[in-house]
Amino acid sequence: MYFFIVADVNLMAAYRCASVMADPDSDRDSGMAESDSDCDSGMTESDSDRDSGMDESDSDRDSGIVESDSDEYDSEVELEIATAYVQLCIEYVQKYYMKRPMCTSILSGRSYVIEVLEGNPQVCYDIFRMEKAIFIHLCNELKRLHLLEEDTGWVSVEESVGTVLYIVGHNADYRVTANRFQHSLETIQRRFRRTLRAIHALGCIIIRPDVDAAELPQSLRENGKYYPWFEVCFDFSFFSS
């Protein structure tokens, strides 16, 4: 009986010793496994951080390149706009503030008409297509009937009539006439219209049918060039009334 008791005690002691020896090995193995796991996790996290850092670096570099290109494009656009604006300002100043006179001839329009009238009569006829005496008489009639007023100190009646005859007689352009009489285009056009209306009004006063005439003159009826105009438009009832 005593033998079996001692044997059981020895077995229990051996089991306890084996258990104690097994626990350090298990703890050591578990510690090694945890250390390896931590090392692998650290390496994985390090690789992930490194890759993430590289991606962020590439992204920042690309973003910087895009921003640089955008800034350069904006600068070029602003430079083009500023250049165009400055060019417009220069053209405006040159056109409206730095005007160069056009009518710089010593011989003004008034002086030109006086020179023609006081010169050779043939010159007056060649320039105005009218003889000197008729030209002066026409101007005097326009003044007497107050059909054409003279611009004080600017454009005389003789110059206005000379302008109209110069344009009509030579089919001259307004710009050529303006350069010849040393006036602006606006002045030439205005005086041309006024003088033409005045001559038309004078024509209505002067050109009137003869109250004693009963028919067209024989010379006109035999004239093949002018008679067709009077054949249709001439009203003989006017003379009978």
Protein backbone atom coordinates (compact mmCIF):
# COMPACT_ATOMS: atom_id res chain seq x y z
CA MET A 1 0.00 0.00 0.00
CA TYR A 2 2.80 2.35 0.94
CA PHE A 3 4.51 1.46 -2.36
CA PHE A 4 1.56 2.55 -4.47
CA ILE A 5 1.23 5.80 -2.56
CA VAL A 6 4.90 6.64 -3.17
CA ALA A 7 4.53 5.77 -6.84
CA ASP A 8 1.58 8.07 -7.26
CA VAL A 9 3.46 10.88 -5.56
CA ASN A 10 6.41 10.38 -7.87
CA LEU A 11 4.14 10.36 -10.95
CA MET A 12 2.46 13.57 -9.88
CA ALA A 13 5.82 15.22 -9.30
CA ALA A 14 7.06 14.09 -12.70
CA TYR A 15 3.91 15.41 -14.41
CA ARG A 16 4.26 18.72 -12.61
CA CYS A 17 7.91 18.99 -13.69
CA ALA A 18 7.06 18.15 -17.27
CA SER A 19 4.29 20.77 -17.27
CA VAL A 20 6.63 23.38 -15.88
CA MET A 21 9.24 22.58 -18.52
CA ALA A 22 6.66 22.67 -21.29
CA ASP A 23 5.33 26.15 -20.34
CA PRO A 24 8.67 27.99 -20.97
CA ASP A 25 8.98 26.31 -24.36
CA SER A 26 5.43 27.33 -25.24
CA ASP A 27 6.00 30.87 -24.05
CA ARG A 28 9.23 31.04 -25.99
CA ASP A 29 7.57 29.74 -29.15
CA SER A 30 4.67 32.16 -28.73
CA GLY A 31 7.09 35.04 -28.16
CA MET A 32 9.04 34.14 -31.28
CA ALA A 33 5.84 33.89 -33.28
CA GLU A 34 4.64 37.27 -31.99
CA SER A 35 8.05 38.81 -32.72
CA ASP A 36 8.03 37.43 -36.26
CA SER A 37 4.46 38.70 -36.75
CA ASP A 38 5.39 42.13 -35.44
CA CYS A 39 8.44 42.24 -37.70
CA ASP A 40 6.41 41.24 -40.74
CA SER A 41 3.72 43.77 -39.85
CA GLY A 42 6.35 46.48 -39.39
CA MET A 43 7.94 45.66 -42.72
CA THR A 44 4.51 45.69 -44.42
CA GLU A 45 3.62 49.03 -42.84
CA SER A 46 7.04 50.42 -43.78
CA ASP A 47 6.61 49.30 -47.39
CA SER A 48 3.06 50.72 -47.44
CA ASP A 49 4.24 54.05 -46.01
CA ARG A 50 7.10 54.19 -48.50
CA ASP A 51 4.77 53.45 -51.43
CA SER A 52 2.25 55.99 -50.14
CA GLY A 53 5.03 58.57 -49.77
CA MET A 54 6.20 57.92 -53.33
CA ASP A 55 2.63 58.23 -54.64
CA GLU A 56 2.12 61.49 -52.75
CA SER A 57 5.47 62.79 -54.03
CA ASP A 58 4.53 61.94 -57.63
CA SER A 59 1.09 63.50 -57.17
CA ASP A 60 2.59 66.68 -55.70
CA ARG A 61 5.12 66.87 -58.55
CA ASP A 62 2.42 66.42 -61.21
CA SER A 63 0.22 68.98 -59.47
CA GLY A 64 3.12 71.41 -59.37
CA ILE A 65 3.77 70.94 -63.10
CA VAL A 66 0.08 71.52 -63.94
CA GLU A 67 -0.05 74.62 -61.76
CA SER A 68 3.15 75.94 -63.36
CA ASP A 69 1.75 75.42 -66.89
CA SER A 70 -1.52 77.09 -65.89
CA ASP A 71 0.33 80.09 -64.45
CA GLU A 72 2.42 80.44 -67.62
CA TYR A 73 -0.73 80.30 -69.83
CA ASP A 74 -2.48 82.92 -67.68
CA SER A 75 0.59 85.15 -67.89
CA GLU A 76 0.71 84.87 -71.69
CA VAL A 77 -3.02 85.68 -72.00
CA GLU A 78 -2.69 88.68 -69.70
CA LEU A 79 0.32 89.90 -71.69
CA GLU A 80 -1.60 89.64 -74.99
CA ILE A 81 -4.58 91.52 -73.53
CA ALA A 82 -2.36 94.23 -72.10
CA THR A 83 -0.50 94.60 -75.41
CA ALA A 84 -3.74 94.93 -77.39
CA TYR A 85 -5.08 97.48 -74.89
CA VAL A 86 -1.92 99.58 -75.07
CA GLN A 87 -2.01 99.48 -78.89
CA LEU A 88 -5.62 100.70 -78.89
CA CYS A 89 -4.73 103.51 -76.51
CA ILE A 90 -1.83 104.59 -78.72
CA GLU A 91 -4.04 104.58 -81.85
CA TYR A 92 -6.74 106.57 -80.04
CA VAL A 93 -4.26 109.19 -78.85
CA GLN A 94 -2.66 109.49 -82.28
CA LYS A 95 -6.07 109.83 -83.97
CA TYR A 96 -7.81 112.26 -81.62
CA TYR A 97 -5.04 114.04 -79.68
CA MET A 98 -2.11 114.11 -82.07
CA LYS A 99 -3.90 115.14 -85.24
CA ARG A 100 -1.83 116.17 -88.19
CA PRO A 101 -3.40 119.00 -90.22
CA MET A 102 -4.53 118.06 -93.72
CA CYS A 103 -5.36 121.47 -95.20
CA THR A 104 -1.84 122.90 -95.15
CA SER A 105 -1.69 124.51 -98.60
CA ILE A 106 -0.78 128.20 -98.72
CA LEU A 107 -3.46 128.78 -101.37
CA SER A 108 -6.85 128.53 -99.65
CA GLY A 109 -10.12 127.96 -101.47
CA ARG A 110 -11.05 131.64 -101.41
CA SER A 111 -7.63 132.64 -102.71
CA TYR A 112 -7.84 129.98 -105.42
CA VAL A 113 -11.18 131.31 -106.73
CA ILE A 114 -9.89 134.89 -106.68
CA GLU A 115 -6.76 133.84 -108.56
CA VAL A 116 -8.83 132.08 -111.23
CA LEU A 117 -11.23 135.03 -111.65
CA GLU A 118 -8.40 137.55 -111.84
CA GLY A 119 -6.36 135.46 -114.25
CA ASN A 120 -6.80 134.56 -117.89
CA PRO A 121 -10.52 134.20 -118.88
CA GLN A 122 -9.74 130.90 -120.58
CA VAL A 123 -8.52 129.50 -117.27
CA CYS A 124 -11.86 130.44 -115.66
CA TYR A 125 -13.73 128.65 -118.44
CA ASP A 126 -11.51 125.57 -118.21
CA ILE A 127 -11.81 125.30 -114.43
CA PHE A 128 -15.46 126.29 -113.84
CA ARG A 129 -16.78 125.57 -117.36
CA MET A 130 -18.31 129.04 -117.35
CA GLU A 131 -17.21 132.41 -118.58
CA LYS A 132 -16.01 134.94 -116.06
CA ALA A 133 -18.84 137.49 -116.63
CA ILE A 134 -21.55 134.80 -116.30
CA PHE A 135 -19.92 133.39 -113.20
CA ILE A 136 -19.89 136.78 -111.49
CA HIS A 137 -23.47 137.50 -112.57
CA LEU A 138 -24.67 134.16 -111.20
CA CYS A 139 -23.07 134.87 -107.83
CA ASN A 140 -24.58 138.36 -107.69
CA GLU A 141 -28.08 137.03 -108.45
CA LEU A 142 -27.83 134.41 -105.72
CA LYS A 143 -26.83 137.14 -103.28
CA ARG A 144 -29.50 139.58 -104.42
CA LEU A 145 -32.34 137.08 -104.14
CA HIS A 146 -30.96 135.79 -100.82
CA LEU A 147 -30.89 132.27 -102.15
CA LEU A 148 -27.39 131.60 -100.90
CA GLU A 149 -25.93 133.20 -97.84
CA GLU A 150 -22.23 133.66 -97.29
CA ASP A 151 -20.56 132.03 -94.33
CA THR A 152 -18.99 134.84 -92.36
CA GLY A 153 -15.24 134.57 -92.64
CA TRP A 154 -15.39 131.00 -93.85
CA VAL A 155 -16.81 130.18 -97.30
CA SER A 156 -17.82 132.92 -99.73
CA VAL A 157 -20.61 132.65 -102.29
CA GLU A 158 -18.05 132.71 -105.12
CA GLU A 159 -16.19 129.83 -103.51
CA SER A 160 -19.42 127.84 -103.02
CA VAL A 161 -20.45 128.34 -106.65
CA GLY A 162 -16.92 127.53 -107.80
CA THR A 163 -16.99 124.31 -105.75
CA VAL A 164 -20.25 123.16 -107.38
CA LEU A 165 -19.05 124.03 -110.90
CA TYR A 166 -15.72 122.29 -110.25
CA ILE A 167 -17.45 119.07 -109.14
CA VAL A 168 -20.09 119.09 -111.88
CA GLY A 169 -17.82 120.27 -114.69
CA HIS A 170 -15.04 117.75 -114.02
CA ASN A 171 -16.98 114.97 -112.27
CA ALA A 172 -14.58 115.47 -109.39
CA ASP A 173 -14.65 113.48 -106.20
CA TYR A 174 -15.43 115.12 -102.86
CA ARG A 175 -11.97 114.30 -101.55
CA VAL A 176 -10.22 115.82 -104.56
CA THR A 177 -12.40 118.94 -104.26
CA ALA A 178 -11.74 119.16 -100.52
CA ASN A 179 -8.00 119.06 -101.15
CA ARG A 180 -8.27 121.66 -103.93
CA PHE A 181 -10.36 124.13 -101.89
CA GLN A 182 -8.69 123.27 -98.57
CA HIS A 183 -11.84 122.36 -96.64
CA SER A 184 -13.06 119.29 -94.83
CA LEU A 185 -15.32 116.75 -96.49
CA GLU A 186 -18.23 117.82 -94.30
CA THR A 187 -17.86 121.47 -95.39
CA ILE A 188 -17.64 120.54 -99.08
CA GLN A 189 -20.70 118.29 -98.91
CA ARG A 190 -22.75 120.85 -96.97
CA ARG A 191 -21.89 123.75 -99.28
CA PHE A 192 -22.48 121.61 -102.36
CA ARG A 193 -26.02 120.73 -101.27
CA ARG A 194 -26.87 124.31 -100.29
CA THR A 195 -25.51 125.82 -103.50
CA LEU A 196 -27.21 123.22 -105.68
CA ARG A 197 -30.57 123.94 -104.02
CA ALA A 198 -30.00 127.68 -104.48
CA ILE A 199 -29.22 127.27 -108.21
CA HIS A 200 -32.33 125.10 -108.61
CA ALA A 201 -34.46 127.77 -106.95
CA LEU A 202 -32.92 130.42 -109.21
CA GLY A 203 -33.71 128.23 -112.22
CA CYS A 204 -37.37 128.07 -111.21
CA ILE A 205 -37.42 131.89 -111.10
CA ILE A 206 -35.58 132.50 -114.39
CA ILE A 207 -36.73 129.62 -116.58
CA ARG A 208 -40.39 130.38 -117.28
CA PRO A 209 -42.54 129.93 -120.40
CA ASP A 210 -43.23 132.99 -122.51
CA VAL A 211 -46.83 134.04 -121.95
CA ASP A 212 -47.06 135.23 -125.57
CA ALA A 213 -45.89 131.93 -127.03
CA ALA A 214 -48.59 129.78 -128.67
CA GLU A 215 -46.40 126.91 -129.75
CA LEU A 216 -42.84 125.68 -129.66
CA PRO A 217 -40.33 127.64 -131.73
CA GLN A 218 -39.65 126.30 -135.19
CA SER A 219 -35.96 125.79 -134.39
CA LEU A 220 -36.85 123.60 -131.40
CA ARG A 221 -39.44 121.57 -133.27
CA GLU A 222 -36.90 120.80 -135.98
CA ASN A 223 -34.21 119.87 -133.48
CA GLY A 224 -34.17 116.09 -133.20
CA LYS A 225 -32.01 116.22 -130.05
CA TYR A 226 -34.25 118.34 -127.82
CA TYR A 227 -37.72 118.11 -129.35
CA PRO A 228 -38.58 114.63 -127.98
CA TRP A 229 -38.30 116.04 -124.45
CA PHE A 230 -40.74 118.85 -125.17
CA GLU A 231 -43.05 116.68 -127.25
CA VAL A 232 -44.08 114.63 -124.19
CA CYS A 233 -43.68 117.11 -121.35
CA PHE A 234 -44.77 120.39 -122.89
CA ASP A 235 -48.33 121.39 -121.95
CA PHE A 236 -49.82 123.67 -124.58
CA SER A 237 -52.95 124.25 -122.49
CA PHE A 238 -50.82 126.55 -120.36
CA PHE A 239 -50.48 129.00 -123.24
CA SER A 240 -54.18 128.91 -124.21
CA SER A 241 -55.25 129.72 -120.68
